[in-house]
Amino acid sequence: MRRRSTTTLITLIGIVVMAVSAAVAILGGGVFWHPAVLIEIGQRGNDVAFSFSMETRSLWRWSPQPVGVRTVLVWEDRSLREGERSELIWKIVANKDAGNALTDVAYGVVPRGFVQANPAQGPPPPLMSGRTYAVTAIGAQQGWGTKLFELGAADNRPQAVPWNR
């Protein structure tokens, strides 16, 4: 009889451990899972601007919250053209000594506490309509995200581009 109660207790402990592990994963605290950095593309004056957020879970729903990033890269996406590779046209990174992270940035504007790593000197090339670009943001603590965009031919305003086109 004692052996049977020990087996039952071990089974119950296993079920509790699995339930707690599942709850932690569902609520976003999984050990190996990092939520994606979400990127919104808009316009600030004449500049293309990027803002960064991450979906966080409240008790009943997910909601985007601003998130700090320490690296931003902009690529000209040439992968749809045969035989061509994407080209990195702008990269900014946070100073190693600074604790800075940013939640938004305008293309070509280097914020305080950041350095431009690409191009090595001078401003990045202007964004042009008819070309596809990708912006990648790497979170200060965890996560990263990428979004494709292009400038509208008529109004030069940035608009998201679906990945599957």
C-alpha atoms as a PDB file:
ATOM      1  CA  MET A   1       0.000   0.000   0.000  1.00  0.00           C
ATOM      2  CA  ARG A   2       2.842   2.417   0.833  1.00  0.00           C
ATOM      3  CA  ARG A   3       4.401   1.869  -2.613  1.00  0.00           C
ATOM      4  CA  ARG A   4       1.134   2.831  -4.315  1.00  0.00           C
ATOM      5  CA  SER A   5       0.807   6.117  -2.361  1.00  0.00           C
ATOM      6  CA  THR A   6       4.419   7.026  -3.211  1.00  0.00           C
ATOM      7  CA  THR A   7       3.733   6.446  -6.920  1.00  0.00           C
ATOM      8  CA  THR A   8       0.568   8.574  -6.710  1.00  0.00           C
ATOM      9  CA  LEU A   9       2.464  11.374  -4.964  1.00  0.00           C
ATOM     10  CA  ILE A  10       5.215  11.347  -7.609  1.00  0.00           C
ATOM     11  CA  THR A  11       2.578  11.419 -10.361  1.00  0.00           C
ATOM     12  CA  LEU A  12       0.823  14.393  -8.736  1.00  0.00           C
ATOM     13  CA  ILE A  13       4.116  16.271  -8.366  1.00  0.00           C
ATOM     14  CA  GLY A  14       4.848  15.640 -12.072  1.00  0.00           C
ATOM     15  CA  ILE A  15       1.426  16.966 -13.069  1.00  0.00           C
ATOM     16  CA  VAL A  16       1.895  20.094 -10.935  1.00  0.00           C
ATOM     17  CA  VAL A  17       5.365  20.734 -12.413  1.00  0.00           C
ATOM     18  CA  MET A  18       4.009  20.360 -15.966  1.00  0.00           C
ATOM     19  CA  ALA A  19       1.072  22.690 -15.222  1.00  0.00           C
ATOM     20  CA  VAL A  20       3.344  25.362 -13.729  1.00  0.00           C
ATOM     21  CA  SER A  21       5.757  25.068 -16.682  1.00  0.00           C
ATOM     22  CA  ALA A  22       2.893  25.461 -19.154  1.00  0.00           C
ATOM     23  CA  ALA A  23       1.529  28.483 -17.277  1.00  0.00           C
ATOM     24  CA  VAL A  24       4.955  30.150 -17.279  1.00  0.00           C
ATOM     25  CA  ALA A  25       5.350  29.533 -21.030  1.00  0.00           C
ATOM     26  CA  ILE A  26       1.854  30.852 -21.804  1.00  0.00           C
ATOM     27  CA  LEU A  27       2.410  34.002 -19.756  1.00  0.00           C
ATOM     28  CA  GLY A  28       5.619  34.784 -21.649  1.00  0.00           C
ATOM     29  CA  GLY A  29       8.190  33.669 -19.133  1.00  0.00           C
ATOM     30  CA  GLY A  30       9.523  30.715 -21.093  1.00  0.00           C
ATOM     31  CA  VAL A  31      13.236  30.135 -20.705  1.00  0.00           C
ATOM     32  CA  PHE A  32      14.085  29.776 -24.395  1.00  0.00           C
ATOM     33  CA  TRP A  33      11.369  31.906 -25.949  1.00  0.00           C
ATOM     34  CA  HIS A  34      11.851  35.634 -26.485  1.00  0.00           C
ATOM     35  CA  PRO A  35       8.980  37.741 -27.753  1.00  0.00           C
ATOM     36  CA  ALA A  36       9.559  39.549 -31.014  1.00  0.00           C
ATOM     37  CA  VAL A  37      10.314  43.244 -31.190  1.00  0.00           C
ATOM     38  CA  LEU A  38       7.438  44.770 -33.168  1.00  0.00           C
ATOM     39  CA  ILE A  39       8.291  47.609 -35.550  1.00  0.00           C
ATOM     40  CA  GLU A  40       5.933  50.350 -36.672  1.00  0.00           C
ATOM     41  CA  ILE A  41       7.015  52.443 -39.655  1.00  0.00           C
ATOM     42  CA  GLY A  42       5.755  55.977 -40.021  1.00  0.00           C
ATOM     43  CA  GLN A  43       6.821  59.466 -40.833  1.00  0.00           C
ATOM     44  CA  ARG A  44       8.210  62.247 -38.626  1.00  0.00           C
ATOM     45  CA  GLY A  45       8.281  65.413 -40.715  1.00  0.00           C
ATOM     46  CA  ASN A  46      10.086  64.391 -43.899  1.00  0.00           C
ATOM     47  CA  ASP A  47      11.906  61.511 -42.185  1.00  0.00           C
ATOM     48  CA  VAL A  48      10.961  57.844 -42.113  1.00  0.00           C
ATOM     49  CA  ALA A  49      10.582  56.903 -38.447  1.00  0.00           C
ATOM     50  CA  PHE A  50      10.584  53.563 -36.667  1.00  0.00           C
ATOM     51  CA  SER A  51       9.047  52.824 -33.267  1.00  0.00           C
ATOM     52  CA  PHE A  52       9.591  49.634 -31.301  1.00  0.00           C
ATOM     53  CA  SER A  53       7.315  47.678 -28.999  1.00  0.00           C
ATOM     54  CA  MET A  54       6.821  44.215 -27.593  1.00  0.00           C
ATOM     55  CA  GLU A  55       3.617  42.349 -26.851  1.00  0.00           C
ATOM     56  CA  THR A  56       3.227  41.942 -23.104  1.00  0.00           C
ATOM     57  CA  ARG A  57       0.604  39.890 -21.386  1.00  0.00           C
ATOM     58  CA  SER A  58      -1.668  41.397 -18.813  1.00  0.00           C
ATOM     59  CA  LEU A  59      -4.026  39.149 -16.933  1.00  0.00           C
ATOM     60  CA  TRP A  60      -6.580  38.901 -19.765  1.00  0.00           C
ATOM     61  CA  ARG A  61      -4.973  40.116 -22.995  1.00  0.00           C
ATOM     62  CA  TRP A  62      -1.823  40.949 -24.922  1.00  0.00           C
ATOM     63  CA  SER A  63      -0.970  44.597 -25.474  1.00  0.00           C
ATOM     64  CA  PRO A  64       2.002  46.320 -27.119  1.00  0.00           C
ATOM     65  CA  GLN A  65       4.341  48.229 -24.798  1.00  0.00           C
ATOM     66  CA  PRO A  66       7.304  50.377 -25.917  1.00  0.00           C
ATOM     67  CA  VAL A  67      10.555  48.461 -25.750  1.00  0.00           C
ATOM     68  CA  GLY A  68      14.124  49.712 -25.862  1.00  0.00           C
ATOM     69  CA  VAL A  69      16.470  48.546 -28.580  1.00  0.00           C
ATOM     70  CA  ARG A  70      20.243  48.882 -28.726  1.00  0.00           C
ATOM     71  CA  THR A  71      20.835  48.114 -32.417  1.00  0.00           C
ATOM     72  CA  VAL A  72      18.936  49.257 -35.523  1.00  0.00           C
ATOM     73  CA  LEU A  73      19.834  48.126 -39.044  1.00  0.00           C
ATOM     74  CA  VAL A  74      18.294  49.203 -42.356  1.00  0.00           C
ATOM     75  CA  TRP A  75      18.860  47.094 -45.459  1.00  0.00           C
ATOM     76  CA  GLU A  76      18.019  47.639 -49.092  1.00  0.00           C
ATOM     77  CA  ASP A  77      16.285  44.346 -49.835  1.00  0.00           C
ATOM     78  CA  ARG A  78      17.534  43.171 -53.203  1.00  0.00           C
ATOM     79  CA  SER A  79      16.730  39.510 -52.571  1.00  0.00           C
ATOM     80  CA  LEU A  80      13.771  39.617 -54.962  1.00  0.00           C
ATOM     81  CA  ARG A  81      16.094  40.551 -57.822  1.00  0.00           C
ATOM     82  CA  GLU A  82      17.828  37.557 -59.348  1.00  0.00           C
ATOM     83  CA  GLY A  83      21.425  37.099 -58.255  1.00  0.00           C
ATOM     84  CA  GLU A  84      21.536  40.098 -55.903  1.00  0.00           C
ATOM     85  CA  ARG A  85      21.953  40.231 -52.143  1.00  0.00           C
ATOM     86  CA  SER A  86      20.570  42.685 -49.641  1.00  0.00           C
ATOM     87  CA  GLU A  87      22.856  45.578 -48.742  1.00  0.00           C
ATOM     88  CA  LEU A  88      23.208  47.098 -45.272  1.00  0.00           C
ATOM     89  CA  ILE A  89      22.786  50.853 -45.719  1.00  0.00           C
ATOM     90  CA  TRP A  90      22.485  52.105 -42.120  1.00  0.00           C
ATOM     91  CA  LYS A  91      23.368  50.718 -38.708  1.00  0.00           C
ATOM     92  CA  ILE A  92      23.353  52.383 -35.316  1.00  0.00           C
ATOM     93  CA  VAL A  93      24.360  50.792 -32.015  1.00  0.00           C
ATOM     94  CA  ALA A  94      24.258  51.978 -28.415  1.00  0.00           C
ATOM     95  CA  ASN A  95      27.556  53.074 -26.873  1.00  0.00           C
ATOM     96  CA  LYS A  96      29.028  50.244 -24.828  1.00  0.00           C
ATOM     97  CA  ASP A  97      29.414  52.499 -21.772  1.00  0.00           C
ATOM     98  CA  ALA A  98      25.941  53.998 -22.001  1.00  0.00           C
ATOM     99  CA  GLY A  99      22.883  52.267 -20.662  1.00  0.00           C
ATOM    100  CA  ASN A 100      20.852  53.754 -23.479  1.00  0.00           C
ATOM    101  CA  ALA A 101      18.103  52.042 -25.371  1.00  0.00           C
ATOM    102  CA  LEU A 102      15.695  53.782 -27.703  1.00  0.00           C
ATOM    103  CA  THR A 103      12.015  53.215 -28.402  1.00  0.00           C
ATOM    104  CA  ASP A 104      11.926  55.178 -31.669  1.00  0.00           C
ATOM    105  CA  VAL A 105      14.311  56.651 -34.201  1.00  0.00           C
ATOM    106  CA  ALA A 106      14.223  58.492 -37.526  1.00  0.00           C
ATOM    107  CA  TYR A 107      16.221  57.082 -40.448  1.00  0.00           C
ATOM    108  CA  GLY A 108      19.623  58.759 -40.696  1.00  0.00           C
ATOM    109  CA  VAL A 109      19.383  60.537 -37.316  1.00  0.00           C
ATOM    110  CA  VAL A 110      21.833  59.204 -34.739  1.00  0.00           C
ATOM    111  CA  PRO A 111      20.356  59.657 -31.241  1.00  0.00           C
ATOM    112  CA  ARG A 112      22.405  60.693 -28.204  1.00  0.00           C
ATOM    113  CA  GLY A 113      24.164  57.665 -26.697  1.00  0.00           C
ATOM    114  CA  PHE A 114      24.357  55.861 -30.047  1.00  0.00           C
ATOM    115  CA  VAL A 115      27.012  55.662 -32.759  1.00  0.00           C
ATOM    116  CA  GLN A 116      26.620  55.079 -36.476  1.00  0.00           C
ATOM    117  CA  ALA A 117      28.455  51.919 -37.489  1.00  0.00           C
ATOM    118  CA  ASN A 118      27.408  51.970 -41.152  1.00  0.00           C
ATOM    119  CA  PRO A 119      28.202  53.902 -43.226  1.00  0.00           C
ATOM    120  CA  ALA A 120      31.508  54.558 -41.487  1.00  0.00           C
ATOM    121  CA  GLN A 121      31.359  58.247 -42.408  1.00  0.00           C
ATOM    122  CA  GLY A 122      28.669  60.614 -43.585  1.00  0.00           C
ATOM    123  CA  PRO A 123      24.925  60.154 -43.779  1.00  0.00           C
ATOM    124  CA  PRO A 124      23.274  57.000 -45.109  1.00  0.00           C
ATOM    125  CA  PRO A 125      21.947  57.053 -48.671  1.00  0.00           C
ATOM    126  CA  PRO A 126      18.469  58.531 -49.124  1.00  0.00           C
ATOM    127  CA  LEU A 127      15.575  56.083 -49.233  1.00  0.00           C
ATOM    128  CA  MET A 128      14.007  55.945 -52.696  1.00  0.00           C
ATOM    129  CA  SER A 129      10.568  54.965 -53.931  1.00  0.00           C
ATOM    130  CA  GLY A 130      10.407  51.776 -55.972  1.00  0.00           C
ATOM    131  CA  ARG A 131      12.877  49.977 -53.704  1.00  0.00           C
ATOM    132  CA  THR A 132      12.165  47.592 -50.860  1.00  0.00           C
ATOM    133  CA  TYR A 133      13.867  48.036 -47.492  1.00  0.00           C
ATOM    134  CA  ALA A 134      14.039  45.994 -44.303  1.00  0.00           C
ATOM    135  CA  VAL A 135      14.526  47.389 -40.808  1.00  0.00           C
ATOM    136  CA  THR A 136      15.830  45.120 -38.046  1.00  0.00           C
ATOM    137  CA  ALA A 137      15.783  46.038 -34.348  1.00  0.00           C
ATOM    138  CA  ILE A 138      17.579  44.104 -31.622  1.00  0.00           C
ATOM    139  CA  GLY A 139      16.123  44.498 -28.146  1.00  0.00           C
ATOM    140  CA  ALA A 140      18.122  45.846 -25.230  1.00  0.00           C
ATOM    141  CA  GLN A 141      17.229  42.859 -23.049  1.00  0.00           C
ATOM    142  CA  GLN A 142      15.882  40.236 -25.424  1.00  0.00           C
ATOM    143  CA  GLY A 143      14.146  39.681 -28.720  1.00  0.00           C
ATOM    144  CA  TRP A 144      14.502  41.137 -32.182  1.00  0.00           C
ATOM    145  CA  GLY A 145      12.278  41.906 -35.135  1.00  0.00           C
ATOM    146  CA  THR A 146      12.394  42.762 -38.828  1.00  0.00           C
ATOM    147  CA  LYS A 147       9.866  44.511 -41.049  1.00  0.00           C
ATOM    148  CA  LEU A 148       9.858  45.203 -44.793  1.00  0.00           C
ATOM    149  CA  PHE A 149       8.780  48.584 -46.142  1.00  0.00           C
ATOM    150  CA  GLU A 150       8.916  50.771 -49.222  1.00  0.00           C
ATOM    151  CA  LEU A 151       8.156  54.380 -50.048  1.00  0.00           C
ATOM    152  CA  GLY A 152       4.957  55.087 -51.961  1.00  0.00           C
ATOM    153  CA  ALA A 153       5.557  56.245 -55.531  1.00  0.00           C
ATOM    154  CA  ALA A 154       2.951  59.009 -55.340  1.00  0.00           C
ATOM    155  CA  ASP A 155       3.539  60.448 -51.872  1.00  0.00           C
ATOM    156  CA  ASN A 156       6.933  59.034 -50.768  1.00  0.00           C
ATOM    157  CA  ARG A 157       5.331  57.877 -47.508  1.00  0.00           C
ATOM    158  CA  PRO A 158       6.583  54.625 -45.972  1.00  0.00           C
ATOM    159  CA  GLN A 159       4.309  51.611 -46.090  1.00  0.00           C
ATOM    160  CA  ALA A 160       4.758  48.067 -44.833  1.00  0.00           C
ATOM    161  CA  VAL A 161       5.355  45.324 -47.379  1.00  0.00           C
ATOM    162  CA  PRO A 162       4.160  41.735 -46.763  1.00  0.00           C
ATOM    163  CA  TRP A 163       6.859  39.058 -46.525  1.00  0.00           C
ATOM    164  CA  ASN A 164       5.148  36.718 -48.962  1.00  0.00           C
ATOM    165  CA  ARG A 165       4.937  38.883 -52.032  1.00  0.00           C
END
